[in-house]
């Protein structure tokens, strides 16, 4: 499903309301699915942005995802992202475009 996505954390630290309002919005097709392999060394539910062009993904994949809130036009997906081999907590605020 296509969303306007804002990251709610930077290296695991919350951006807060002011930081969230200033965070750049990325547009993408969010997929949530079960992955048989992951950096967690077990099957896990992941959220990822469907790649439409070659190259790096626009956001790191979220592992062990949960939906932490949902409304008419938006939802918050929370999980673990890996940046340079380090695990950080991350949440995406996803709003229908």
N, C-alpha and C. Protein backbone atom coordinates (compact mmCIF):
# COMPACT_ATOMS: atom_id res chain seq x y z
N UNK A 1 0.85 -1.16 0.00
CA UNK A 1 0.00 0.00 0.00
C UNK A 1 0.90 1.23 0.00
N UNK A 2 0.53 2.25 -0.76
CA UNK A 2 1.35 3.46 -0.89
C UNK A 2 1.12 4.41 0.27
N UNK A 3 2.23 4.87 0.86
CA UNK A 3 2.18 5.76 2.01
C UNK A 3 3.19 6.88 1.87
N UNK A 4 2.95 7.93 2.65
CA UNK A 4 3.95 8.95 2.93
C UNK A 4 4.56 8.51 4.27
N UNK A 5 5.85 8.24 4.29
CA UNK A 5 6.50 7.62 5.45
C UNK A 5 7.47 8.60 6.10
N UNK A 6 7.36 8.73 7.41
CA UNK A 6 8.31 9.54 8.19
C UNK A 6 8.93 8.65 9.26
N UNK A 7 10.25 8.69 9.35
CA UNK A 7 10.95 7.96 10.41
C UNK A 7 10.77 8.72 11.71
N UNK A 8 10.45 8.01 12.78
CA UNK A 8 10.17 8.65 14.07
C UNK A 8 11.37 8.60 15.02
N UNK A 9 12.45 7.96 14.59
CA UNK A 9 13.65 7.85 15.44
C UNK A 9 14.90 8.03 14.59
N UNK A 10 15.97 8.42 15.25
CA UNK A 10 17.29 8.50 14.62
C UNK A 10 18.26 7.76 15.52
N UNK A 11 18.83 6.69 15.00
CA UNK A 11 19.72 5.83 15.78
C UNK A 11 19.09 5.42 17.11
N UNK A 12 17.79 5.09 17.07
CA UNK A 12 17.08 4.59 18.23
C UNK A 12 16.50 5.65 19.15
N UNK A 13 16.86 6.91 18.97
CA UNK A 13 16.36 7.99 19.83
C UNK A 13 15.17 8.67 19.18
N UNK A 14 14.12 8.89 19.96
CA UNK A 14 12.90 9.52 19.46
C UNK A 14 13.18 10.94 18.97
N UNK A 15 12.59 11.31 17.83
CA UNK A 15 12.73 12.66 17.30
C UNK A 15 11.81 13.64 18.01
N UNK A 16 10.79 13.14 18.71
CA UNK A 16 9.82 14.03 19.35
C UNK A 16 8.89 14.64 18.32
N UNK A 17 7.91 15.36 18.79
CA UNK A 17 6.90 15.93 17.89
C UNK A 17 7.51 16.95 16.93
N UNK A 18 8.37 17.84 17.44
CA UNK A 18 8.98 18.86 16.58
C UNK A 18 9.87 18.21 15.52
N UNK A 19 10.64 17.20 15.91
CA UNK A 19 11.50 16.50 14.96
C UNK A 19 10.71 15.73 13.92
N UNK A 20 9.59 15.15 14.33
CA UNK A 20 8.75 14.41 13.40
C UNK A 20 8.16 15.35 12.35
N UNK A 21 7.73 16.53 12.78
CA UNK A 21 7.17 17.51 11.84
C UNK A 21 8.21 17.96 10.82
N UNK A 22 9.49 18.01 11.22
CA UNK A 22 10.56 18.45 10.32
C UNK A 22 11.14 17.32 9.49
N UNK A 23 10.87 16.09 9.88
CA UNK A 23 11.45 14.93 9.19
C UNK A 23 10.94 14.88 7.75
N UNK A 24 11.83 14.57 6.81
CA UNK A 24 11.39 14.48 5.41
C UNK A 24 10.45 13.29 5.21
N UNK A 25 9.42 13.51 4.42
CA UNK A 25 8.47 12.43 4.11
C UNK A 25 8.94 11.73 2.84
N UNK A 26 9.00 10.42 2.91
CA UNK A 26 9.34 9.61 1.75
C UNK A 26 8.08 8.91 1.27
N UNK A 27 7.94 8.76 -0.02
CA UNK A 27 6.78 8.05 -0.55
C UNK A 27 7.22 6.67 -0.99
N UNK A 28 6.38 5.69 -0.65
CA UNK A 28 6.73 4.33 -1.03
C UNK A 28 5.61 3.35 -0.81
N UNK A 29 5.80 2.17 -1.37
CA UNK A 29 4.85 1.07 -1.26
C UNK A 29 5.34 0.16 -0.13
N UNK A 30 4.67 0.20 1.02
CA UNK A 30 5.08 -0.56 2.20
C UNK A 30 4.54 -1.98 2.13
N UNK A 31 5.43 -2.94 2.29
CA UNK A 31 5.06 -4.36 2.33
C UNK A 31 5.40 -4.90 3.70
N UNK A 32 4.48 -5.64 4.29
CA UNK A 32 4.73 -6.35 5.55
C UNK A 32 4.57 -7.83 5.24
N UNK A 33 5.61 -8.61 5.58
CA UNK A 33 5.57 -10.03 5.25
C UNK A 33 6.46 -10.81 6.21
N UNK A 34 6.29 -12.11 6.21
CA UNK A 34 7.13 -13.01 7.01
C UNK A 34 8.37 -13.33 6.19
N UNK A 35 9.54 -13.18 6.79
CA UNK A 35 10.81 -13.52 6.14
C UNK A 35 11.41 -14.73 6.84
N UNK A 36 11.85 -15.70 6.06
CA UNK A 36 12.38 -16.93 6.65
C UNK A 36 13.79 -16.74 7.21
N UNK A 37 14.51 -15.75 6.71
CA UNK A 37 15.84 -15.45 7.24
C UNK A 37 15.92 -13.97 7.57
N UNK A 38 16.73 -13.65 8.57
CA UNK A 38 16.90 -12.25 8.97
C UNK A 38 18.18 -12.13 9.79
N UNK A 39 18.62 -10.90 10.06
CA UNK A 39 19.79 -10.72 10.93
C UNK A 39 19.55 -11.24 12.36
N UNK A 40 18.29 -11.50 12.70
CA UNK A 40 17.97 -12.02 14.03
C UNK A 40 18.14 -13.54 14.09
N UNK A 41 18.53 -14.15 12.96
CA UNK A 41 18.76 -15.60 12.86
C UNK A 41 17.53 -16.44 13.17
N UNK A 42 16.37 -15.94 12.75
CA UNK A 42 15.12 -16.68 12.91
C UNK A 42 14.09 -16.07 11.97
N UNK A 43 13.02 -16.79 11.67
CA UNK A 43 11.95 -16.19 10.88
C UNK A 43 11.35 -15.00 11.63
N UNK A 44 11.04 -13.95 10.91
CA UNK A 44 10.52 -12.74 11.56
C UNK A 44 9.61 -11.98 10.61
N UNK A 45 8.68 -11.24 11.17
CA UNK A 45 7.81 -10.37 10.40
C UNK A 45 8.59 -9.10 10.07
N UNK A 46 8.65 -8.73 8.78
CA UNK A 46 9.40 -7.55 8.37
C UNK A 46 8.50 -6.56 7.64
N UNK A 47 8.93 -5.30 7.64
CA UNK A 47 8.30 -4.26 6.83
C UNK A 47 9.40 -3.69 5.95
N UNK A 48 9.09 -3.53 4.68
CA UNK A 48 10.07 -2.99 3.74
C UNK A 48 9.36 -2.16 2.69
N UNK A 49 10.14 -1.31 2.03
CA UNK A 49 9.62 -0.48 0.96
C UNK A 49 9.92 -1.19 -0.35
N UNK A 50 8.90 -1.40 -1.16
CA UNK A 50 9.08 -2.06 -2.45
C UNK A 50 10.00 -1.21 -3.33
N UNK A 51 11.05 -1.83 -3.83
CA UNK A 51 11.99 -1.13 -4.70
C UNK A 51 11.41 -1.04 -6.11
N UNK A 52 11.39 0.16 -6.65
CA UNK A 52 10.91 0.36 -8.02
C UNK A 52 12.04 0.74 -8.96
N UNK A 53 13.21 1.08 -8.39
CA UNK A 53 14.38 1.41 -9.20
C UNK A 53 15.58 0.68 -8.61
N UNK A 54 16.60 0.39 -9.43
CA UNK A 54 17.79 -0.28 -8.90
C UNK A 54 18.52 0.60 -7.89
N UNK A 55 19.29 -0.02 -7.03
CA UNK A 55 20.08 0.72 -6.04
C UNK A 55 19.69 0.37 -4.63
N UNK A 56 20.17 1.20 -3.72
CA UNK A 56 19.91 0.98 -2.30
C UNK A 56 18.44 1.23 -1.97
N UNK A 57 17.90 0.50 -0.99
CA UNK A 57 16.52 0.78 -0.55
C UNK A 57 16.45 2.18 0.06
N UNK A 58 15.27 2.82 -0.02
CA UNK A 58 15.15 4.17 0.51
C UNK A 58 15.13 4.18 2.03
N UNK A 59 14.75 3.07 2.66
CA UNK A 59 14.80 2.92 4.12
C UNK A 59 15.27 1.51 4.45
N UNK A 60 16.02 1.35 5.55
CA UNK A 60 16.38 -0.01 5.97
C UNK A 60 15.13 -0.81 6.33
N UNK A 61 15.17 -2.11 6.09
CA UNK A 61 14.07 -3.00 6.44
C UNK A 61 13.88 -3.01 7.95
N UNK A 62 12.61 -3.04 8.39
CA UNK A 62 12.29 -3.19 9.81
C UNK A 62 12.04 -4.66 10.10
N UNK A 63 12.62 -5.17 11.17
CA UNK A 63 12.47 -6.56 11.58
C UNK A 63 11.67 -6.64 12.87
N UNK A 64 10.97 -7.75 13.07
CA UNK A 64 10.14 -7.96 14.27
C UNK A 64 9.09 -6.85 14.40
N UNK A 65 8.41 -6.54 13.30
CA UNK A 65 7.50 -5.39 13.30
C UNK A 65 6.20 -5.66 14.04
N UNK A 66 5.65 -4.56 14.56
CA UNK A 66 4.34 -4.54 15.19
C UNK A 66 3.65 -3.26 14.76
N UNK A 67 2.33 -3.30 14.69
CA UNK A 67 1.57 -2.07 14.46
C UNK A 67 1.24 -1.50 15.82
N UNK A 68 1.72 -0.29 16.09
CA UNK A 68 1.54 0.33 17.40
C UNK A 68 0.41 1.33 17.43
N UNK A 69 -0.20 1.60 16.32
CA UNK A 69 -1.34 2.51 16.29
C UNK A 69 -1.89 2.56 14.88
N UNK A 70 -3.20 2.75 14.78
CA UNK A 70 -3.82 2.79 13.46
C UNK A 70 -5.04 3.68 13.53
N UNK A 71 -5.21 4.51 12.52
CA UNK A 71 -6.36 5.39 12.43
C UNK A 71 -6.90 5.30 11.01
N UNK A 72 -7.82 6.19 10.66
CA UNK A 72 -8.46 6.12 9.35
C UNK A 72 -7.47 6.20 8.21
N UNK A 73 -6.51 7.13 8.28
CA UNK A 73 -5.59 7.34 7.16
C UNK A 73 -4.12 7.13 7.50
N UNK A 74 -3.83 6.57 8.67
CA UNK A 74 -2.42 6.44 9.06
C UNK A 74 -2.23 5.26 10.02
N UNK A 75 -0.96 4.85 10.12
CA UNK A 75 -0.59 3.82 11.09
C UNK A 75 0.87 4.00 11.47
N UNK A 76 1.26 3.43 12.60
CA UNK A 76 2.64 3.45 13.06
C UNK A 76 3.14 2.01 13.11
N UNK A 77 4.22 1.75 12.38
CA UNK A 77 4.87 0.44 12.36
C UNK A 77 6.18 0.57 13.12
N UNK A 78 6.39 -0.30 14.11
CA UNK A 78 7.60 -0.25 14.94
C UNK A 78 8.36 -1.56 14.80
N UNK A 79 9.68 -1.46 14.76
CA UNK A 79 10.51 -2.65 14.67
C UNK A 79 11.97 -2.32 14.92
N UNK A 80 12.84 -3.18 14.44
CA UNK A 80 14.28 -3.04 14.61
C UNK A 80 14.90 -2.85 13.23
N UNK A 81 15.72 -1.80 13.08
CA UNK A 81 16.46 -1.62 11.83
C UNK A 81 17.94 -1.84 12.10
N UNK A 82 18.64 -2.30 11.09
CA UNK A 82 20.08 -2.53 11.21
C UNK A 82 20.80 -1.53 10.33
N UNK A 83 21.69 -0.73 10.94
CA UNK A 83 22.51 0.24 10.22
C UNK A 83 23.97 -0.09 10.53
N UNK A 84 24.73 -0.42 9.50
CA UNK A 84 26.13 -0.82 9.65
C UNK A 84 26.30 -1.93 10.69
N UNK A 85 25.37 -2.88 10.69
CA UNK A 85 25.45 -4.03 11.58
C UNK A 85 24.98 -3.80 13.01
N UNK A 86 24.52 -2.59 13.31
CA UNK A 86 24.04 -2.25 14.66
C UNK A 86 22.52 -2.18 14.64
N UNK A 87 21.87 -2.79 15.64
CA UNK A 87 20.40 -2.81 15.73
C UNK A 87 19.91 -1.58 16.48
N UNK A 88 18.91 -0.90 15.88
CA UNK A 88 18.30 0.27 16.50
C UNK A 88 16.78 0.12 16.46
N UNK A 89 16.12 0.62 17.47
CA UNK A 89 14.66 0.69 17.45
C UNK A 89 14.25 1.76 16.44
N UNK A 90 13.18 1.49 15.68
CA UNK A 90 12.70 2.45 14.69
C UNK A 90 11.20 2.34 14.56
N UNK A 91 10.56 3.46 14.31
CA UNK A 91 9.12 3.49 14.02
C UNK A 91 8.90 4.31 12.77
N UNK A 92 7.97 3.85 11.94
CA UNK A 92 7.58 4.60 10.75
C UNK A 92 6.15 5.10 10.95
N UNK A 93 5.95 6.39 10.74
CA UNK A 93 4.59 6.95 10.70
C UNK A 93 4.19 6.92 9.23
N UNK A 94 3.20 6.12 8.90
CA UNK A 94 2.78 5.91 7.51
C UNK A 94 1.40 6.51 7.32
N UNK A 95 1.30 7.47 6.40
CA UNK A 95 0.03 8.13 6.12
C UNK A 95 -0.35 7.89 4.67
N UNK A 96 -1.61 7.56 4.44
CA UNK A 96 -2.09 7.32 3.09
C UNK A 96 -1.94 8.59 2.27
N UNK A 97 -1.40 8.45 1.05
CA UNK A 97 -1.20 9.63 0.19
C UNK A 97 -2.42 9.90 -0.65
